[in-house]
């Protein structure tokens, strides 16, 4: 018995490009949320240390979020290695991955 194949097939690279763009935008938004104080002309090591210590929580959140996105992106790229053909269902799974894991 032959299974009916979906007539809509797109290249795997198009799905990869879409998800790469989504991750790139998310990582950019993370960087845009960093609030850097105004620079003073007379910056010395003590002043830079004070600024960085005041930003530690913000930097920790940024680094943790960035690394989490990077892990998701790497995992998604590893999964795409095993995919040979794509169809509409795979595109929707890639766009809304959490809805397929319930």
PDB file of N, CA and C in Angstrom:
ATOM      1  N   UNK A   1       0.837  -1.180   0.000  1.00  0.00           N
ATOM      2  CA  UNK A   1       0.000   0.000   0.000  1.00  0.00           C
ATOM      3  C   UNK A   1       0.880   1.241   0.000  1.00  0.00           C
ATOM      4  N   UNK A   2       0.635   2.067  -0.934  1.00  0.00           N
ATOM      5  CA  UNK A   2       1.423   3.284  -1.075  1.00  0.00           C
ATOM      6  C   UNK A   2       0.795   4.409  -0.265  1.00  0.00           C
ATOM      7  N   UNK A   3       1.649   5.168   0.446  1.00  0.00           N
ATOM      8  CA  UNK A   3       1.145   6.316   1.199  1.00  0.00           C
ATOM      9  C   UNK A   3       1.130   7.541   0.305  1.00  0.00           C
ATOM     10  N   UNK A   4       0.147   8.375   0.541  1.00  0.00           N
ATOM     11  CA  UNK A   4       0.021   9.600  -0.242  1.00  0.00           C
ATOM     12  C   UNK A   4       1.027  10.633   0.269  1.00  0.00           C
ATOM     13  N   UNK A   5       1.861  11.134  -0.618  1.00  0.00           N
ATOM     14  CA  UNK A   5       2.846  12.143  -0.241  1.00  0.00           C
ATOM     15  C   UNK A   5       2.264  13.538  -0.402  1.00  0.00           C
ATOM     16  N   UNK A   6       2.692  14.412   0.447  1.00  0.00           N
ATOM     17  CA  UNK A   6       2.234  15.793   0.374  1.00  0.00           C
ATOM     18  C   UNK A   6       2.827  16.462  -0.875  1.00  0.00           C
ATOM     19  N   UNK A   7       2.013  17.183  -1.636  1.00  0.00           N
ATOM     20  CA  UNK A   7       2.529  17.840  -2.841  1.00  0.00           C
ATOM     21  C   UNK A   7       3.408  19.043  -2.502  1.00  0.00           C
ATOM     22  N   UNK A   8       3.286  19.560  -1.295  1.00  0.00           N
ATOM     23  CA  UNK A   8       4.056  20.735  -0.896  1.00  0.00           C
ATOM     24  C   UNK A   8       5.366  20.291  -0.251  1.00  0.00           C
ATOM     25  N   UNK A   9       6.452  20.472  -0.952  1.00  0.00           N
ATOM     26  CA  UNK A   9       7.767  20.135  -0.417  1.00  0.00           C
ATOM     27  C   UNK A   9       8.673  21.332  -0.646  1.00  0.00           C
ATOM     28  N   UNK A  10       9.343  21.738   0.401  1.00  0.00           N
ATOM     29  CA  UNK A  10      10.292  22.834   0.293  1.00  0.00           C
ATOM     30  C   UNK A  10      11.672  22.314   0.676  1.00  0.00           C
ATOM     31  N   UNK A  11      12.673  23.058   0.360  1.00  0.00           N
ATOM     32  CA  UNK A  11      14.015  22.576   0.665  1.00  0.00           C
ATOM     33  C   UNK A  11      14.296  22.697   2.158  1.00  0.00           C
ATOM     34  N   UNK A  12      15.111  21.793   2.631  1.00  0.00           N
ATOM     35  CA  UNK A  12      15.499  21.778   4.040  1.00  0.00           C
ATOM     36  C   UNK A  12      16.220  23.070   4.412  1.00  0.00           C
ATOM     37  N   UNK A  13      16.958  23.627   3.492  1.00  0.00           N
ATOM     38  CA  UNK A  13      17.715  24.850   3.779  1.00  0.00           C
ATOM     39  C   UNK A  13      16.802  26.042   4.060  1.00  0.00           C
ATOM     40  N   UNK A  14      15.599  26.048   3.502  1.00  0.00           N
ATOM     41  CA  UNK A  14      14.651  27.142   3.786  1.00  0.00           C
ATOM     42  C   UNK A  14      14.186  27.096   5.236  1.00  0.00           C
ATOM     43  N   UNK A  15      13.919  25.898   5.745  1.00  0.00           N
ATOM     44  CA  UNK A  15      13.521  25.761   7.144  1.00  0.00           C
ATOM     45  C   UNK A  15      14.681  26.148   8.054  1.00  0.00           C
ATOM     46  N   UNK A  16      15.880  25.724   7.708  1.00  0.00           N
ATOM     47  CA  UNK A  16      17.059  26.081   8.505  1.00  0.00           C
ATOM     48  C   UNK A  16      17.270  27.591   8.515  1.00  0.00           C
ATOM     49  N   UNK A  17      17.061  28.229   7.373  1.00  0.00           N
ATOM     50  CA  UNK A  17      17.218  29.685   7.306  1.00  0.00           C
ATOM     51  C   UNK A  17      16.182  30.395   8.178  1.00  0.00           C
ATOM     52  N   UNK A  18      14.958  29.901   8.174  1.00  0.00           N
ATOM     53  CA  UNK A  18      13.915  30.485   9.009  1.00  0.00           C
ATOM     54  C   UNK A  18      14.280  30.392  10.482  1.00  0.00           C
ATOM     55  N   UNK A  19      14.649  29.208  10.934  1.00  0.00           N
ATOM     56  CA  UNK A  19      14.967  29.052  12.356  1.00  0.00           C
ATOM     57  C   UNK A  19      16.250  29.786  12.728  1.00  0.00           C
ATOM     58  N   UNK A  20      17.214  29.841  11.832  1.00  0.00           N
ATOM     59  CA  UNK A  20      18.421  30.632  12.104  1.00  0.00           C
ATOM     60  C   UNK A  20      18.055  32.101  12.305  1.00  0.00           C
ATOM     61  N   UNK A  21      17.152  32.599  11.476  1.00  0.00           N
ATOM     62  CA  UNK A  21      16.715  33.991  11.608  1.00  0.00           C
ATOM     63  C   UNK A  21      15.988  34.249  12.912  1.00  0.00           C
ATOM     64  N   UNK A  22      15.143  33.309  13.323  1.00  0.00           N
ATOM     65  CA  UNK A  22      14.410  33.467  14.586  1.00  0.00           C
ATOM     66  C   UNK A  22      15.389  33.527  15.756  1.00  0.00           C
ATOM     67  N   UNK A  23      16.347  32.621  15.778  1.00  0.00           N
ATOM     68  CA  UNK A  23      17.336  32.627  16.865  1.00  0.00           C
ATOM     69  C   UNK A  23      18.200  33.880  16.826  1.00  0.00           C
ATOM     70  N   UNK A  24      18.568  34.332  15.636  1.00  0.00           N
ATOM     71  CA  UNK A  24      19.382  35.544  15.525  1.00  0.00           C
ATOM     72  C   UNK A  24      18.638  36.760  16.070  1.00  0.00           C
ATOM     73  N   UNK A  25      17.359  36.856  15.762  1.00  0.00           N
ATOM     74  CA  UNK A  25      16.563  37.983  16.259  1.00  0.00           C
ATOM     75  C   UNK A  25      16.426  37.905  17.781  1.00  0.00           C
ATOM     76  N   UNK A  26      16.158  36.709  18.298  1.00  0.00           N
ATOM     77  CA  UNK A  26      16.022  36.553  19.751  1.00  0.00           C
ATOM     78  C   UNK A  26      17.322  36.920  20.464  1.00  0.00           C
ATOM     79  N   UNK A  27      18.450  36.508  19.925  1.00  0.00           N
ATOM     80  CA  UNK A  27      19.743  36.827  20.544  1.00  0.00           C
ATOM     81  C   UNK A  27      20.040  38.327  20.443  1.00  0.00           C
ATOM     82  N   UNK A  28      19.617  38.947  19.362  1.00  0.00           N
ATOM     83  CA  UNK A  28      19.798  40.390  19.218  1.00  0.00           C
ATOM     84  C   UNK A  28      18.959  41.149  20.238  1.00  0.00           C
ATOM     85  N   UNK A  29      17.714  40.709  20.437  1.00  0.00           N
ATOM     86  CA  UNK A  29      16.869  41.346  21.448  1.00  0.00           C
ATOM     87  C   UNK A  29      17.485  41.246  22.831  1.00  0.00           C
ATOM     88  N   UNK A  30      18.137  40.128  23.115  1.00  0.00           N
ATOM     89  CA  UNK A  30      18.816  40.000  24.409  1.00  0.00           C
ATOM     90  C   UNK A  30      19.874  41.084  24.563  1.00  0.00           C
ATOM     91  N   UNK A  31      20.662  41.290  23.520  1.00  0.00           N
ATOM     92  CA  UNK A  31      21.729  42.292  23.586  1.00  0.00           C
ATOM     93  C   UNK A  31      21.153  43.700  23.689  1.00  0.00           C
ATOM     94  N   UNK A  32      20.028  43.948  23.041  1.00  0.00           N
ATOM     95  CA  UNK A  32      19.428  45.283  23.092  1.00  0.00           C
ATOM     96  C   UNK A  32      18.880  45.608  24.484  1.00  0.00           C
ATOM     97  N   UNK A  33      18.596  44.587  25.276  1.00  0.00           N
ATOM     98  CA  UNK A  33      18.084  44.803  26.628  1.00  0.00           C
ATOM     99  C   UNK A  33      19.177  45.149  27.635  1.00  0.00           C
ATOM    100  N   UNK A  34      20.426  44.997  27.241  1.00  0.00           N
ATOM    101  CA  UNK A  34      21.514  45.376  28.145  1.00  0.00           C
ATOM    102  C   UNK A  34      21.548  46.895  28.264  1.00  0.00           C
ATOM    103  N   UNK A  35      21.525  47.380  29.484  1.00  0.00           N
ATOM    104  CA  UNK A  35      21.568  48.819  29.720  1.00  0.00           C
ATOM    105  C   UNK A  35      22.968  49.169  30.210  1.00  0.00           C
ATOM    106  N   UNK A  36      23.678  49.890  29.383  1.00  0.00           N
ATOM    107  CA  UNK A  36      25.048  50.273  29.704  1.00  0.00           C
ATOM    108  C   UNK A  36      25.039  51.732  30.139  1.00  0.00           C
ATOM    109  N   UNK A  37      25.602  52.021  31.310  1.00  0.00           N
ATOM    110  CA  UNK A  37      25.611  53.410  31.779  1.00  0.00           C
ATOM    111  C   UNK A  37      26.428  54.311  30.855  1.00  0.00           C
ATOM    112  N   UNK A  38      26.142  55.601  30.951  1.00  0.00           N
ATOM    113  CA  UNK A  38      26.891  56.561  30.137  1.00  0.00           C
ATOM    114  C   UNK A  38      28.363  56.496  30.475  1.00  0.00           C
ATOM    115  N   UNK A  39      29.154  56.602  29.464  1.00  0.00           N
ATOM    116  CA  UNK A  39      30.593  56.568  29.679  1.00  0.00           C
ATOM    117  C   UNK A  39      31.089  57.941  30.129  1.00  0.00           C
ATOM    118  N   UNK A  40      31.980  57.909  31.038  1.00  0.00           N
ATOM    119  CA  UNK A  40      32.603  59.135  31.527  1.00  0.00           C
ATOM    120  C   UNK A  40      33.969  59.235  30.851  1.00  0.00           C
ATOM    121  N   UNK A  41      34.370  60.456  30.521  1.00  0.00           N
ATOM    122  CA  UNK A  41      35.647  60.627  29.823  1.00  0.00           C
ATOM    123  C   UNK A  41      36.818  60.090  30.644  1.00  0.00           C
ATOM    124  N   UNK A  42      36.783  60.305  31.913  1.00  0.00           N
ATOM    125  CA  UNK A  42      37.869  59.858  32.790  1.00  0.00           C
ATOM    126  C   UNK A  42      37.526  58.489  33.377  1.00  0.00           C
ATOM    127  N   UNK A  43      37.687  57.446  32.597  1.00  0.00           N
ATOM    128  CA  UNK A  43      37.423  56.090  33.091  1.00  0.00           C
ATOM    129  C   UNK A  43      38.710  55.495  33.638  1.00  0.00           C
ATOM    130  N   UNK A  44      38.656  55.005  34.850  1.00  0.00           N
ATOM    131  CA  UNK A  44      39.798  54.290  35.395  1.00  0.00           C
ATOM    132  C   UNK A  44      39.338  52.885  35.781  1.00  0.00           C
ATOM    133  N   UNK A  45      40.261  52.044  36.212  1.00  0.00           N
ATOM    134  CA  UNK A  45      39.939  50.656  36.518  1.00  0.00           C
ATOM    135  C   UNK A  45      38.916  50.544  37.645  1.00  0.00           C
ATOM    136  N   UNK A  46      38.999  51.422  38.626  1.00  0.00           N
ATOM    137  CA  UNK A  46      38.056  51.373  39.747  1.00  0.00           C
ATOM    138  C   UNK A  46      36.645  51.663  39.256  1.00  0.00           C
ATOM    139  N   UNK A  47      36.499  52.692  38.434  1.00  0.00           N
ATOM    140  CA  UNK A  47      35.172  53.074  37.925  1.00  0.00           C
ATOM    141  C   UNK A  47      34.604  51.976  37.029  1.00  0.00           C
ATOM    142  N   UNK A  48      35.426  51.393  36.177  1.00  0.00           N
ATOM    143  CA  UNK A  48      34.967  50.301  35.316  1.00  0.00           C
ATOM    144  C   UNK A  48      34.539  49.113  36.166  1.00  0.00           C
ATOM    145  N   UNK A  49      35.292  48.810  37.217  1.00  0.00           N
ATOM    146  CA  UNK A  49      34.935  47.725  38.134  1.00  0.00           C
ATOM    147  C   UNK A  49      33.604  47.969  38.812  1.00  0.00           C
ATOM    148  N   UNK A  50      33.350  49.217  39.229  1.00  0.00           N
ATOM    149  CA  UNK A  50      32.075  49.561  39.854  1.00  0.00           C
ATOM    150  C   UNK A  50      30.915  49.384  38.879  1.00  0.00           C
ATOM    151  N   UNK A  51      31.122  49.829  37.655  1.00  0.00           N
ATOM    152  CA  UNK A  51      30.067  49.700  36.639  1.00  0.00           C
ATOM    153  C   UNK A  51      29.762  48.226  36.376  1.00  0.00           C
ATOM    154  N   UNK A  52      30.813  47.421  36.201  1.00  0.00           N
ATOM    155  CA  UNK A  52      30.609  45.994  35.917  1.00  0.00           C
ATOM    156  C   UNK A  52      29.985  45.267  37.100  1.00  0.00           C
ATOM    157  N   UNK A  53      30.395  45.598  38.321  1.00  0.00           N
ATOM    158  CA  UNK A  53      29.795  44.929  39.482  1.00  0.00           C
ATOM    159  C   UNK A  53      28.326  45.319  39.630  1.00  0.00           C
ATOM    160  N   UNK A  54      27.983  46.530  39.251  1.00  0.00           N
ATOM    161  CA  UNK A  54      26.581  46.950  39.275  1.00  0.00           C
ATOM    162  C   UNK A  54      25.740  46.283  38.203  1.00  0.00           C
ATOM    163  N   UNK A  55      26.398  45.783  37.161  1.00  0.00           N
ATOM    164  CA  UNK A  55      25.698  45.140  36.048  1.00  0.00           C
ATOM    165  C   UNK A  55      25.726  43.613  36.141  1.00  0.00           C
ATOM    166  N   UNK A  56      26.291  43.046  37.206  1.00  0.00           N
ATOM    167  CA  UNK A  56      26.497  41.601  37.268  1.00  0.00           C
ATOM    168  C   UNK A  56      25.203  40.800  37.115  1.00  0.00           C
ATOM    169  N   UNK A  57      24.144  41.188  37.788  1.00  0.00           N
ATOM    170  CA  UNK A  57      22.886  40.450  37.660  1.00  0.00           C
ATOM    171  C   UNK A  57      22.375  40.514  36.226  1.00  0.00           C
ATOM    172  N   UNK A  58      22.452  41.685  35.644  1.00  0.00           N
ATOM    173  CA  UNK A  58      22.012  41.863  34.257  1.00  0.00           C
ATOM    174  C   UNK A  58      22.881  41.024  33.317  1.00  0.00           C
ATOM    175  N   UNK A  59      24.187  41.010  33.524  1.00  0.00           N
ATOM    176  CA  UNK A  59      25.082  40.229  32.679  1.00  0.00           C
ATOM    177  C   UNK A  59      24.854  38.735  32.867  1.00  0.00           C
ATOM    178  N   UNK A  60      24.614  38.315  34.111  1.00  0.00           N
ATOM    179  CA  UNK A  60      24.331  36.901  34.368  1.00  0.00           C
ATOM    180  C   UNK A  60      23.075  36.451  33.631  1.00  0.00           C
ATOM    181  N   UNK A  61      22.029  37.256  33.683  1.00  0.00           N
ATOM    182  CA  UNK A  61      20.783  36.931  32.976  1.00  0.00           C
ATOM    183  C   UNK A  61      21.014  36.867  31.469  1.00  0.00           C
ATOM    184  N   UNK A  62      21.785  37.808  30.954  1.00  0.00           N
ATOM    185  CA  UNK A  62      22.078  37.838  29.517  1.00  0.00           C
ATOM    186  C   UNK A  62      22.844  36.579  29.107  1.00  0.00           C
ATOM    187  N   UNK A  63      23.892  36.259  29.849  1.00  0.00           N
ATOM    188  CA  UNK A  63      24.722  35.102  29.499  1.00  0.00           C
ATOM    189  C   UNK A  63      23.912  33.809  29.583  1.00  0.00           C
ATOM    190  N   UNK A  64      23.133  33.643  30.636  1.00  0.00           N
ATOM    191  CA  UNK A  64      22.314  32.443  30.786  1.00  0.00           C
ATOM    192  C   UNK A  64      21.295  32.326  29.646  1.00  0.00           C
ATOM    193  N   UNK A  65      20.612  33.403  29.333  1.00  0.00           N
ATOM    194  CA  UNK A  65      19.620  33.390  28.251  1.00  0.00           C
ATOM    195  C   UNK A  65      20.276  33.123  26.904  1.00  0.00           C
ATOM    196  N   UNK A  66      21.416  33.751  26.657  1.00  0.00           N
ATOM    197  CA  UNK A  66      22.118  33.566  25.383  1.00  0.00           C
ATOM    198  C   UNK A  66      22.565  32.116  25.235  1.00  0.00           C
ATOM    199  N   UNK A  67      23.116  31.547  26.313  1.00  0.00           N
ATOM    200  CA  UNK A  67      23.586  30.159  26.255  1.00  0.00           C
ATOM    201  C   UNK A  67      22.410  29.193  26.050  1.00  0.00           C
ATOM    202  N   UNK A  68      21.275  29.459  26.682  1.00  0.00           N
ATOM    203  CA  UNK A  68      20.104  28.612  26.495  1.00  0.00           C
ATOM    204  C   UNK A  68      19.630  28.656  25.040  1.00  0.00           C
ATOM    205  N   UNK A  69      19.568  29.844  24.465  1.00  0.00           N
ATOM    206  CA  UNK A  69      19.205  29.954  23.046  1.00  0.00           C
ATOM    207  C   UNK A  69      20.221  29.237  22.158  1.00  0.00           C
ATOM    208  N   UNK A  70      21.497  29.356  22.491  1.00  0.00           N
ATOM    209  CA  UNK A  70      22.536  28.694  21.706  1.00  0.00           C
ATOM    210  C   UNK A  70      22.378  27.175  21.763  1.00  0.00           C
ATOM    211  N   UNK A  71      22.045  26.644  22.939  1.00  0.00           N
ATOM    212  CA  UNK A  71      21.832  25.199  23.072  1.00  0.00           C
ATOM    213  C   UNK A  71      20.642  24.752  22.230  1.00  0.00           C
ATOM    214  N   UNK A  72      19.545  25.515  22.275  1.00  0.00           N
ATOM    215  CA  UNK A  72      18.381  25.184  21.447  1.00  0.00           C
ATOM    216  C   UNK A  72      18.736  25.213  19.968  1.00  0.00           C
ATOM    217  N   UNK A  73      19.498  26.229  19.565  1.00  0.00           N
ATOM    218  CA  UNK A  73      19.873  26.375  18.157  1.00  0.00           C
ATOM    219  C   UNK A  73      20.753  25.209  17.706  1.00  0.00           C
ATOM    220  N   UNK A  74      21.726  24.844  18.538  1.00  0.00           N
ATOM    221  CA  UNK A  74      22.624  23.727  18.203  1.00  0.00           C
ATOM    222  C   UNK A  74      21.829  22.429  18.089  1.00  0.00           C
ATOM    223  N   UNK A  75      20.926  22.201  19.033  1.00  0.00           N
ATOM    224  CA  UNK A  75      20.103  20.991  19.005  1.00  0.00           C
ATOM    225  C   UNK A  75      19.239  20.946  17.752  1.00  0.00           C
ATOM    226  N   UNK A  76      18.654  22.077  17.402  1.00  0.00           N
ATOM    227  CA  UNK A  76      17.827  22.130  16.200  1.00  0.00           C
ATOM    228  C   UNK A  76      18.662  21.819  14.962  1.00  0.00           C
ATOM    229  N   UNK A  77      19.889  22.332  14.905  1.00  0.00           N
ATOM    230  CA  UNK A  77      20.762  22.047  13.759  1.00  0.00           C
ATOM    231  C   UNK A  77      21.144  20.579  13.705  1.00  0.00           C
ATOM    232  N   UNK A  78      21.383  19.969  14.864  1.00  0.00           N
ATOM    233  CA  UNK A  78      21.693  18.542  14.894  1.00  0.00           C
ATOM    234  C   UNK A  78      20.508  17.714  14.407  1.00  0.00           C
ATOM    235  N   UNK A  79      19.292  18.098  14.796  1.00  0.00           N
ATOM    236  CA  UNK A  79      18.102  17.381  14.343  1.00  0.00           C
ATOM    237  C   UNK A  79      17.931  17.500  12.830  1.00  0.00           C
ATOM    238  N   UNK A  80      18.189  18.668  12.292  1.00  0.00           N
ATOM    239  CA  UNK A  80      18.024  18.871  10.853  1.00  0.00           C
ATOM    240  C   UNK A  80      19.005  18.019  10.039  1.00  0.00           C
ATOM    241  N   UNK A  81      20.082  17.595  10.643  1.00  0.00           N
ATOM    242  CA  UNK A  81      21.054  16.740   9.958  1.00  0.00           C
ATOM    243  C   UNK A  81      20.402  15.428   9.506  1.00  0.00           C
ATOM    244  N   UNK A  82      19.439  14.932  10.274  1.00  0.00           N
ATOM    245  CA  UNK A  82      18.812  13.646   9.987  1.00  0.00           C
ATOM    246  C   UNK A  82      17.602  13.752   9.063  1.00  0.00           C
ATOM    247  N   UNK A  83      17.186  14.938   8.737  1.00  0.00           N
ATOM    248  CA  UNK A  83      16.005  15.129   7.896  1.00  0.00           C
ATOM    249  C   UNK A  83      16.420  15.182   6.428  1.00  0.00           C
ATOM    250  N   UNK A  84      15.780  14.353   5.632  1.00  0.00           N
ATOM    251  CA  UNK A  84      16.099  14.287   4.198  1.00  0.00           C
ATOM    252  C   UNK A  84      15.086  15.046   3.351  1.00  0.00           C
ATOM    253  N   UNK A  85      13.793  14.930   3.705  1.00  0.00           N
ATOM    254  CA  UNK A  85      12.734  15.587   2.957  1.00  0.00           C
ATOM    255  C   UNK A  85      11.875  16.401   3.919  1.00  0.00           C
ATOM    256  N   UNK A  86      11.283  17.440   3.412  1.00  0.00           N
ATOM    257  CA  UNK A  86      10.432  18.278   4.243  1.00  0.00           C
ATOM    258  C   UNK A  86       9.033  18.370   3.644  1.00  0.00           C
ATOM    259  N   UNK A  87       8.094  18.722   4.492  1.00  0.00           N
ATOM    260  CA  UNK A  87       6.744  18.978   4.034  1.00  0.00           C
ATOM    261  C   UNK A  87       6.119  20.036   4.944  1.00  0.00           C
ATOM    262  N   UNK A  88       4.872  20.336   4.715  1.00  0.00           N
ATOM    263  CA  UNK A  88       4.185  21.377   5.470  1.00  0.00           C
ATOM    264  C   UNK A  88       4.162  21.070   6.971  1.00  0.00           C
ATOM    265  N   UNK A  89       3.966  19.818   7.337  1.00  0.00           N
ATOM    266  CA  UNK A  89       3.929  19.442   8.758  1.00  0.00           C
ATOM    267  C   UNK A  89       5.244  19.773   9.451  1.00  0.00           C
ATOM    268  N   UNK A  90       6.346  19.462   8.810  1.00  0.00           N
ATOM    269  CA  UNK A  90       7.648  19.759   9.410  1.00  0.00           C
ATOM    270  C   UNK A  90       7.846  21.260   9.578  1.00  0.00           C
ATOM    271  N   UNK A  91       7.388  22.035   8.628  1.00  0.00           N
ATOM    272  CA  UNK A  91       7.513  23.493   8.742  1.00  0.00           C
ATOM    273  C   UNK A  91       6.760  23.982   9.971  1.00  0.00           C
ATOM    274  N   UNK A  92       5.538  23.489  10.177  1.00  0.00           N
ATOM    275  CA  UNK A  92       4.765  23.921  11.347  1.00  0.00           C
ATOM    276  C   UNK A  92       5.397  23.432  12.648  1.00  0.00           C
ATOM    277  N   UNK A  93       5.969  22.240  12.625  1.00  0.00           N
ATOM    278  CA  UNK A  93       6.666  21.735  13.819  1.00  0.00           C
ATOM    279  C   UNK A  93       7.857  22.622  14.139  1.00  0.00           C
ATOM    280  N   UNK A  94       8.563  23.077  13.130  1.00  0.00           N
ATOM    281  CA  UNK A  94       9.719  23.943  13.356  1.00  0.00           C
ATOM    282  C   UNK A  94       9.296  25.331  13.845  1.00  0.00           C
ATOM    283  N   UNK A  95       8.157  25.805  13.392  1.00  0.00           N
ATOM    284  CA  UNK A  95       7.687  27.129  13.811  1.00  0.00           C
ATOM    285  C   UNK A  95       7.123  27.079  15.231  1.00  0.00           C
ATOM    286  N   UNK A  96       6.389  26.024  15.548  1.00  0.00           N
ATOM    287  CA  UNK A  96       5.769  25.866  16.876  1.00  0.00           C
ATOM    288  C   UNK A  96       6.211  24.549  17.506  1.00  0.00           C
ATOM    289  N   UNK A  97       7.475  24.441  17.906  1.00  0.00           N
ATOM    290  CA  UNK A  97       7.982  23.139  18.386  1.00  0.00           C
ATOM    291  C   UNK A  97       7.316  22.681  19.680  1.00  0.00           C
ATOM    292  N   UNK A  98       6.912  23.586  20.559  1.00  0.00           N
ATOM    293  CA  UNK A  98       6.356  23.159  21.834  1.00  0.00           C
ATOM    294  C   UNK A  98       4.998  22.495  21.688  1.00  0.00           C
ATOM    295  N   UNK A  99       4.253  22.839  20.648  1.00  0.00           N
ATOM    296  CA  UNK A  99       2.919  22.239  20.474  1.00  0.00           C
ATOM    297  C   UNK A  99       3.021  20.775  20.067  1.00  0.00           C
ATOM    298  N   UNK A 100       4.150  20.353  19.520  1.00  0.00           N
ATOM    299  CA  UNK A 100       4.289  18.964  19.083  1.00  0.00           C
ATOM    300  C   UNK A 100       4.803  18.060  20.194  1.00  0.00           C
ATOM    301  N   UNK A 101       5.230  18.627  21.325  1.00  0.00           N
ATOM    302  CA  UNK A 101       5.816  17.805  22.384  1.00  0.00           C
ATOM    303  C   UNK A 101       4.834  17.463  23.488  1.00  0.00           C
ATOM    304  N   UNK A 102       3.558  17.786  23.336  1.00  0.00           N
ATOM    305  CA  UNK A 102       2.593  17.504  24.404  1.00  0.00           C
ATOM    306  C   UNK A 102       2.054  16.101  24.345  1.00  0.00           C
TER     307      UNK A 102
END
